[in-house]
Amino acid sequence: MAIPGYDSDSVAEATLEYAGARVAVVAGVVPDEFGLERSDSEPPVDALSDPVHIAGLDDLKAIEAVRISLVYDPSKLPPGASPTDVAVAVETDDGWEPLTSTVDLEETTVEAVLNERPPGSTIVAGYDDRDDSDASSA
């Protein structure tokens, strides 16, 4: 999973096949324990995928880019919801925070690209019903 603008040799990647989750990072230091694993977190009610934990995230140093990609189940969208109202959400102390995301309708994936560490290490694809002026739920 390439990150545009970065040499693929400098990208560390982790995949959790059963969950359809992928994370790629460009960082000065990527610990050996960096990877994806099953999460025991309770997913939000509007989750469209299983929650996944990014291991070793706190130990990444000199982060340049983080790319998170999740497969989601469009059949879990509420009736009348737009198929583009999907976002990668991160579990924080205040609940699930949606990240600015891009949806690939053909592949049924949602992706977020960040230039810093995400605000949490547990991620999920979720229904994002906020408009541009409201960032309150995922």
N, C-alpha and C. Protein backbone atom coordinates (compact mmCIF):
# COMPACT_ATOMS: atom_id res chain seq x y z
N MET A 1 0.86 -1.16 0.00
CA MET A 1 0.00 0.00 0.00
C MET A 1 0.90 1.23 0.00
N ALA A 2 1.12 1.79 -1.14
CA ALA A 2 2.01 2.93 -1.27
C ALA A 2 1.38 4.17 -0.65
N ILE A 3 2.24 5.07 -0.21
CA ILE A 3 1.80 6.38 0.24
C ILE A 3 2.32 7.35 -0.81
N PRO A 4 1.43 8.06 -1.50
CA PRO A 4 1.87 8.96 -2.56
C PRO A 4 2.93 9.95 -2.07
N GLY A 5 3.98 10.10 -2.87
CA GLY A 5 5.05 11.02 -2.54
C GLY A 5 6.18 10.41 -1.74
N TYR A 6 6.07 9.12 -1.37
CA TYR A 6 7.10 8.46 -0.59
C TYR A 6 7.62 7.24 -1.32
N ASP A 7 8.94 7.01 -1.22
CA ASP A 7 9.58 5.84 -1.82
C ASP A 7 9.07 4.60 -1.07
N SER A 8 8.64 3.59 -1.80
CA SER A 8 8.07 2.39 -1.17
C SER A 8 9.07 1.69 -0.25
N ASP A 9 10.36 1.90 -0.45
CA ASP A 9 11.36 1.29 0.42
C ASP A 9 11.36 1.92 1.82
N SER A 10 10.79 3.11 1.96
CA SER A 10 10.78 3.79 3.25
C SER A 10 9.46 3.61 4.00
N VAL A 11 8.56 2.79 3.45
CA VAL A 11 7.24 2.60 4.04
C VAL A 11 7.19 1.26 4.79
N ALA A 12 6.80 1.31 6.08
CA ALA A 12 6.57 0.08 6.86
C ALA A 12 5.08 -0.20 6.80
N GLU A 13 4.72 -1.46 6.54
CA GLU A 13 3.31 -1.81 6.38
C GLU A 13 2.91 -2.94 7.31
N ALA A 14 1.63 -2.92 7.69
CA ALA A 14 1.05 -4.01 8.48
C ALA A 14 -0.33 -4.30 7.91
N THR A 15 -0.69 -5.57 7.88
CA THR A 15 -1.99 -6.00 7.35
C THR A 15 -2.60 -7.02 8.30
N LEU A 16 -3.91 -6.90 8.49
CA LEU A 16 -4.67 -7.89 9.24
C LEU A 16 -5.75 -8.38 8.30
N GLU A 17 -5.45 -9.46 7.59
CA GLU A 17 -6.29 -9.94 6.49
C GLU A 17 -7.74 -10.19 6.88
N TYR A 18 -7.97 -10.89 8.01
CA TYR A 18 -9.34 -11.26 8.36
C TYR A 18 -10.24 -10.03 8.52
N ALA A 19 -9.64 -8.90 8.93
CA ALA A 19 -10.43 -7.69 9.17
C ALA A 19 -10.38 -6.73 7.98
N GLY A 20 -9.58 -7.04 6.98
CA GLY A 20 -9.46 -6.13 5.84
C GLY A 20 -8.82 -4.82 6.23
N ALA A 21 -7.88 -4.85 7.16
CA ALA A 21 -7.24 -3.64 7.67
C ALA A 21 -5.78 -3.57 7.21
N ARG A 22 -5.35 -2.36 6.83
CA ARG A 22 -3.96 -2.13 6.43
C ARG A 22 -3.52 -0.79 6.97
N VAL A 23 -2.28 -0.73 7.43
CA VAL A 23 -1.68 0.52 7.88
C VAL A 23 -0.29 0.59 7.29
N ALA A 24 0.06 1.75 6.77
CA ALA A 24 1.40 2.00 6.26
C ALA A 24 1.90 3.28 6.93
N VAL A 25 3.18 3.28 7.31
CA VAL A 25 3.77 4.46 7.94
C VAL A 25 5.12 4.77 7.32
N VAL A 26 5.43 6.05 7.32
CA VAL A 26 6.78 6.51 7.01
C VAL A 26 7.22 7.24 8.27
N ALA A 27 8.24 6.69 8.94
CA ALA A 27 8.72 7.25 10.19
C ALA A 27 10.20 6.98 10.34
N GLY A 28 10.86 7.84 11.11
CA GLY A 28 12.29 7.66 11.35
C GLY A 28 12.59 6.39 12.12
N VAL A 29 11.71 6.04 13.07
CA VAL A 29 11.87 4.83 13.86
C VAL A 29 10.54 4.08 13.86
N VAL A 30 10.58 2.83 13.39
CA VAL A 30 9.41 1.95 13.41
C VAL A 30 9.79 0.75 14.26
N PRO A 31 9.15 0.57 15.42
CA PRO A 31 9.51 -0.53 16.31
C PRO A 31 9.13 -1.89 15.72
N ASP A 32 9.82 -2.93 16.19
CA ASP A 32 9.54 -4.29 15.72
C ASP A 32 8.11 -4.72 16.02
N GLU A 33 7.53 -4.20 17.11
CA GLU A 33 6.17 -4.62 17.48
C GLU A 33 5.08 -3.88 16.71
N PHE A 34 5.45 -2.99 15.79
CA PHE A 34 4.46 -2.30 14.97
C PHE A 34 3.66 -3.32 14.17
N GLY A 35 2.34 -3.21 14.21
CA GLY A 35 1.50 -4.13 13.47
C GLY A 35 0.04 -3.94 13.82
N LEU A 36 -0.80 -4.79 13.29
CA LEU A 36 -2.24 -4.75 13.54
C LEU A 36 -2.66 -6.01 14.27
N GLU A 37 -3.61 -5.86 15.20
CA GLU A 37 -4.12 -7.01 15.92
C GLU A 37 -5.59 -6.80 16.26
N ARG A 38 -6.26 -7.87 16.56
CA ARG A 38 -7.67 -7.83 16.95
C ARG A 38 -7.81 -6.93 18.18
N SER A 39 -8.88 -6.16 18.23
CA SER A 39 -9.13 -5.28 19.36
C SER A 39 -10.29 -5.82 20.19
N ASP A 40 -10.19 -5.65 21.50
CA ASP A 40 -11.27 -6.02 22.41
C ASP A 40 -12.21 -4.86 22.67
N SER A 41 -11.95 -3.69 22.07
CA SER A 41 -12.79 -2.51 22.28
C SER A 41 -14.19 -2.74 21.74
N GLU A 42 -15.16 -2.17 22.44
CA GLU A 42 -16.54 -2.22 21.99
C GLU A 42 -16.69 -1.25 20.81
N PRO A 43 -17.12 -1.73 19.65
CA PRO A 43 -17.25 -0.83 18.50
C PRO A 43 -18.40 0.15 18.71
N PRO A 44 -18.35 1.29 18.04
CA PRO A 44 -19.47 2.21 18.13
C PRO A 44 -20.70 1.59 17.46
N VAL A 45 -21.89 2.11 17.78
CA VAL A 45 -23.12 1.54 17.23
C VAL A 45 -23.18 1.65 15.72
N ASP A 46 -22.47 2.62 15.16
CA ASP A 46 -22.50 2.82 13.71
C ASP A 46 -21.29 2.23 13.01
N ALA A 47 -20.64 1.23 13.63
CA ALA A 47 -19.46 0.59 13.05
C ALA A 47 -19.84 -0.20 11.81
N LEU A 48 -18.98 -0.14 10.81
CA LEU A 48 -19.16 -0.87 9.57
C LEU A 48 -18.06 -1.92 9.37
N SER A 49 -17.21 -2.05 10.40
CA SER A 49 -16.14 -3.05 10.38
C SER A 49 -15.82 -3.42 11.83
N ASP A 50 -15.00 -4.44 12.00
CA ASP A 50 -14.54 -4.81 13.34
C ASP A 50 -13.45 -3.82 13.77
N PRO A 51 -13.38 -3.51 15.08
CA PRO A 51 -12.30 -2.64 15.54
C PRO A 51 -10.96 -3.37 15.48
N VAL A 52 -9.92 -2.61 15.17
CA VAL A 52 -8.57 -3.14 15.03
C VAL A 52 -7.63 -2.25 15.83
N HIS A 53 -6.64 -2.87 16.48
CA HIS A 53 -5.66 -2.13 17.27
C HIS A 53 -4.35 -2.02 16.49
N ILE A 54 -3.79 -0.82 16.45
CA ILE A 54 -2.47 -0.61 15.85
C ILE A 54 -1.44 -0.75 16.97
N ALA A 55 -0.67 -1.83 16.97
CA ALA A 55 0.34 -2.07 18.00
C ALA A 55 1.61 -1.28 17.68
N GLY A 56 2.28 -0.80 18.73
CA GLY A 56 3.55 -0.10 18.57
C GLY A 56 3.40 1.33 18.09
N LEU A 57 2.20 1.84 18.02
CA LEU A 57 1.96 3.19 17.50
C LEU A 57 2.64 4.26 18.34
N ASP A 58 2.60 4.10 19.68
CA ASP A 58 3.21 5.11 20.55
C ASP A 58 4.72 5.17 20.42
N ASP A 59 5.34 4.10 19.92
CA ASP A 59 6.79 4.05 19.82
C ASP A 59 7.32 4.51 18.46
N LEU A 60 6.42 4.88 17.54
CA LEU A 60 6.87 5.44 16.27
C LEU A 60 7.52 6.79 16.53
N LYS A 61 8.63 7.06 15.88
CA LYS A 61 9.33 8.34 16.06
C LYS A 61 9.52 9.01 14.70
N ALA A 62 9.47 10.33 14.70
CA ALA A 62 9.68 11.14 13.48
C ALA A 62 8.72 10.72 12.37
N ILE A 63 7.42 10.73 12.68
CA ILE A 63 6.39 10.31 11.73
C ILE A 63 6.26 11.35 10.61
N GLU A 64 6.27 10.86 9.39
CA GLU A 64 6.03 11.71 8.23
C GLU A 64 4.64 11.48 7.65
N ALA A 65 4.19 10.22 7.64
CA ALA A 65 2.88 9.90 7.07
C ALA A 65 2.36 8.59 7.65
N VAL A 66 1.03 8.54 7.82
CA VAL A 66 0.34 7.33 8.26
C VAL A 66 -0.86 7.17 7.33
N ARG A 67 -1.00 5.98 6.75
CA ARG A 67 -2.13 5.70 5.87
C ARG A 67 -2.87 4.49 6.43
N ILE A 68 -4.16 4.69 6.75
CA ILE A 68 -5.00 3.65 7.33
C ILE A 68 -6.07 3.29 6.31
N SER A 69 -6.23 2.01 6.03
CA SER A 69 -7.24 1.56 5.08
C SER A 69 -8.03 0.41 5.70
N LEU A 70 -9.37 0.51 5.65
CA LEU A 70 -10.23 -0.51 6.21
C LEU A 70 -11.30 -0.91 5.20
N VAL A 71 -11.56 -2.21 5.11
CA VAL A 71 -12.69 -2.70 4.33
C VAL A 71 -13.92 -2.53 5.22
N TYR A 72 -15.03 -2.08 4.62
CA TYR A 72 -16.26 -1.92 5.41
C TYR A 72 -17.40 -2.65 4.74
N ASP A 73 -18.46 -2.88 5.50
CA ASP A 73 -19.64 -3.59 5.02
C ASP A 73 -20.74 -2.58 4.70
N PRO A 74 -20.96 -2.26 3.41
CA PRO A 74 -21.96 -1.25 3.07
C PRO A 74 -23.38 -1.65 3.45
N SER A 75 -23.63 -2.94 3.66
CA SER A 75 -24.98 -3.36 4.05
C SER A 75 -25.32 -2.91 5.48
N LYS A 76 -24.32 -2.50 6.25
CA LYS A 76 -24.55 -2.03 7.62
C LYS A 76 -24.89 -0.53 7.69
N LEU A 77 -24.83 0.15 6.53
CA LEU A 77 -25.19 1.57 6.52
C LEU A 77 -26.68 1.72 6.83
N PRO A 78 -27.06 2.76 7.57
CA PRO A 78 -28.48 2.97 7.86
C PRO A 78 -29.26 3.21 6.57
N PRO A 79 -30.55 2.88 6.56
CA PRO A 79 -31.38 3.13 5.37
C PRO A 79 -31.31 4.61 4.97
N GLY A 80 -31.13 4.86 3.69
CA GLY A 80 -31.07 6.22 3.17
C GLY A 80 -29.72 6.89 3.29
N ALA A 81 -28.75 6.24 3.93
CA ALA A 81 -27.42 6.83 4.08
C ALA A 81 -26.67 6.79 2.75
N SER A 82 -25.90 7.80 2.51
CA SER A 82 -25.07 7.83 1.31
C SER A 82 -23.92 6.84 1.48
N PRO A 83 -23.57 6.10 0.45
CA PRO A 83 -22.45 5.16 0.56
C PRO A 83 -21.11 5.86 0.71
N THR A 84 -21.08 7.17 0.56
CA THR A 84 -19.83 7.91 0.77
C THR A 84 -19.72 8.45 2.20
N ASP A 85 -20.74 8.25 3.03
CA ASP A 85 -20.71 8.73 4.41
C ASP A 85 -20.05 7.71 5.33
N VAL A 86 -18.80 7.40 5.02
CA VAL A 86 -18.02 6.43 5.78
C VAL A 86 -16.69 7.09 6.11
N ALA A 87 -16.19 6.84 7.32
CA ALA A 87 -14.90 7.41 7.72
C ALA A 87 -14.15 6.41 8.59
N VAL A 88 -12.84 6.54 8.59
CA VAL A 88 -12.03 5.83 9.57
C VAL A 88 -12.23 6.59 10.88
N ALA A 89 -12.57 5.86 11.93
CA ALA A 89 -12.74 6.48 13.25
C ALA A 89 -11.71 5.89 14.21
N VAL A 90 -11.23 6.74 15.13
CA VAL A 90 -10.22 6.36 16.11
C VAL A 90 -10.81 6.50 17.50
N GLU A 91 -10.59 5.49 18.33
CA GLU A 91 -11.08 5.57 19.71
C GLU A 91 -10.16 6.45 20.54
N THR A 92 -10.74 7.49 21.14
CA THR A 92 -10.01 8.39 22.03
C THR A 92 -10.65 8.34 23.42
N ASP A 93 -10.12 9.09 24.35
CA ASP A 93 -10.70 9.15 25.69
C ASP A 93 -12.11 9.73 25.66
N ASP A 94 -12.42 10.52 24.63
CA ASP A 94 -13.73 11.16 24.51
C ASP A 94 -14.71 10.39 23.63
N GLY A 95 -14.34 9.21 23.17
CA GLY A 95 -15.21 8.42 22.29
C GLY A 95 -14.53 8.19 20.94
N TRP A 96 -15.33 7.92 19.94
CA TRP A 96 -14.82 7.63 18.60
C TRP A 96 -14.76 8.91 17.79
N GLU A 97 -13.58 9.24 17.28
CA GLU A 97 -13.35 10.46 16.51
C GLU A 97 -13.14 10.11 15.04
N PRO A 98 -14.02 10.62 14.14
CA PRO A 98 -13.82 10.34 12.71
C PRO A 98 -12.65 11.15 12.17
N LEU A 99 -11.91 10.55 11.27
CA LEU A 99 -10.82 11.21 10.58
C LEU A 99 -11.27 11.59 9.18
N THR A 100 -10.67 12.61 8.61
CA THR A 100 -10.94 12.94 7.22
C THR A 100 -10.56 11.74 6.38
N SER A 101 -11.51 11.24 5.62
CA SER A 101 -11.32 9.96 4.93
C SER A 101 -11.81 10.03 3.49
N THR A 102 -11.33 9.08 2.70
CA THR A 102 -11.74 8.91 1.31
C THR A 102 -12.33 7.52 1.15
N VAL A 103 -13.47 7.43 0.47
CA VAL A 103 -14.16 6.16 0.28
C VAL A 103 -13.94 5.66 -1.15
N ASP A 104 -13.61 4.38 -1.29
CA ASP A 104 -13.55 3.73 -2.59
C ASP A 104 -14.76 2.81 -2.68
N LEU A 105 -15.78 3.25 -3.41
CA LEU A 105 -17.04 2.51 -3.49
C LEU A 105 -16.88 1.15 -4.16
N GLU A 106 -16.02 1.08 -5.14
CA GLU A 106 -15.81 -0.16 -5.88
C GLU A 106 -15.16 -1.23 -5.00
N GLU A 107 -14.18 -0.84 -4.20
CA GLU A 107 -13.46 -1.77 -3.34
C GLU A 107 -14.08 -1.87 -1.94
N THR A 108 -15.07 -1.05 -1.65
CA THR A 108 -15.69 -0.90 -0.32
C THR A 108 -14.63 -0.76 0.77
N THR A 109 -13.74 0.21 0.54
CA THR A 109 -12.72 0.54 1.52
C THR A 109 -12.82 2.02 1.86
N VAL A 110 -12.35 2.35 3.03
CA VAL A 110 -12.25 3.74 3.46
C VAL A 110 -10.81 3.95 3.93
N GLU A 111 -10.28 5.13 3.64
CA GLU A 111 -8.87 5.38 3.89
C GLU A 111 -8.67 6.77 4.46
N ALA A 112 -7.76 6.87 5.42
CA ALA A 112 -7.36 8.16 5.98
C ALA A 112 -5.84 8.26 5.86
N VAL A 113 -5.37 9.42 5.45
CA VAL A 113 -3.93 9.68 5.36
C VAL A 113 -3.62 10.86 6.28
N LEU A 114 -2.69 10.64 7.20
CA LEU A 114 -2.33 11.64 8.20
C LEU A 114 -0.84 11.96 8.12
N ASN A 115 -0.48 13.12 8.59
CA ASN A 115 0.93 13.49 8.66
C ASN A 115 1.42 13.49 10.11
N GLU A 116 0.68 12.78 10.94
CA GLU A 116 1.03 12.66 12.35
C GLU A 116 0.40 11.39 12.90
N ARG A 117 0.75 11.07 14.13
CA ARG A 117 0.17 9.91 14.80
C ARG A 117 -1.33 10.15 14.99
N PRO A 118 -2.18 9.16 14.72
CA PRO A 118 -3.61 9.35 14.97
C PRO A 118 -3.85 9.55 16.48
N PRO A 119 -4.98 10.14 16.87
CA PRO A 119 -5.24 10.44 18.28
C PRO A 119 -5.56 9.22 19.14
N GLY A 120 -5.49 8.04 18.58
CA GLY A 120 -5.73 6.80 19.31
C GLY A 120 -5.16 5.65 18.52
N SER A 121 -5.17 4.45 19.13
CA SER A 121 -4.57 3.30 18.44
C SER A 121 -5.60 2.25 18.02
N THR A 122 -6.86 2.44 18.38
CA THR A 122 -7.90 1.51 17.95
C THR A 122 -8.73 2.19 16.87
N ILE A 123 -8.92 1.49 15.75
CA ILE A 123 -9.58 2.08 14.58
C ILE A 123 -10.75 1.21 14.14
N VAL A 124 -11.69 1.85 13.43
CA VAL A 124 -12.85 1.15 12.90
C VAL A 124 -13.37 1.97 11.73
N ALA A 125 -14.04 1.32 10.79
CA ALA A 125 -14.77 2.06 9.75
C ALA A 125 -16.16 2.30 10.31
N GLY A 126 -16.64 3.53 10.18
CA GLY A 126 -17.95 3.84 10.74
C GLY A 126 -18.75 4.77 9.86
N TYR A 127 -20.05 4.77 10.08
CA TYR A 127 -20.96 5.69 9.39
C TYR A 127 -20.68 7.09 9.91
N ASP A 128 -20.46 8.01 9.02
CA ASP A 128 -20.12 9.39 9.36
C ASP A 128 -21.24 10.30 8.90
N ASP A 129 -22.15 10.65 9.83
CA ASP A 129 -23.31 11.44 9.46
C ASP A 129 -23.13 12.94 9.72
N ARG A 130 -21.93 13.36 10.06
CA ARG A 130 -21.72 14.79 10.30
C ARG A 130 -21.58 15.52 8.97
N ASP A 131 -21.98 16.76 8.96
CA ASP A 131 -21.74 17.58 7.78
C ASP A 131 -20.40 18.30 8.00
N ASP A 132 -20.00 19.14 7.07
CA ASP A 132 -18.69 19.79 7.16
C ASP A 132 -18.53 20.66 8.40
N SER A 133 -19.63 21.11 9.00
CA SER A 133 -19.52 21.99 10.16
C SER A 133 -19.68 21.24 11.48
N ASP A 134 -19.94 19.94 11.47
CA ASP A 134 -20.17 19.17 12.68
C ASP A 134 -19.27 17.95 12.70
N ALA A 135 -18.38 17.89 13.67
CA ALA A 135 -17.44 16.76 13.76
C ALA A 135 -17.68 15.96 15.03
N SER A 136 -18.94 15.74 15.37
CA SER A 136 -19.24 15.14 16.67
C SER A 136 -19.34 13.62 16.69
N SER A 137 -19.56 12.95 15.57
CA SER A 137 -19.69 11.48 15.64
C SER A 137 -19.10 10.81 14.42
N ALA A 138 -18.83 9.53 14.59
CA ALA A 138 -18.28 8.73 13.49
C ALA A 138 -19.34 7.82 12.95
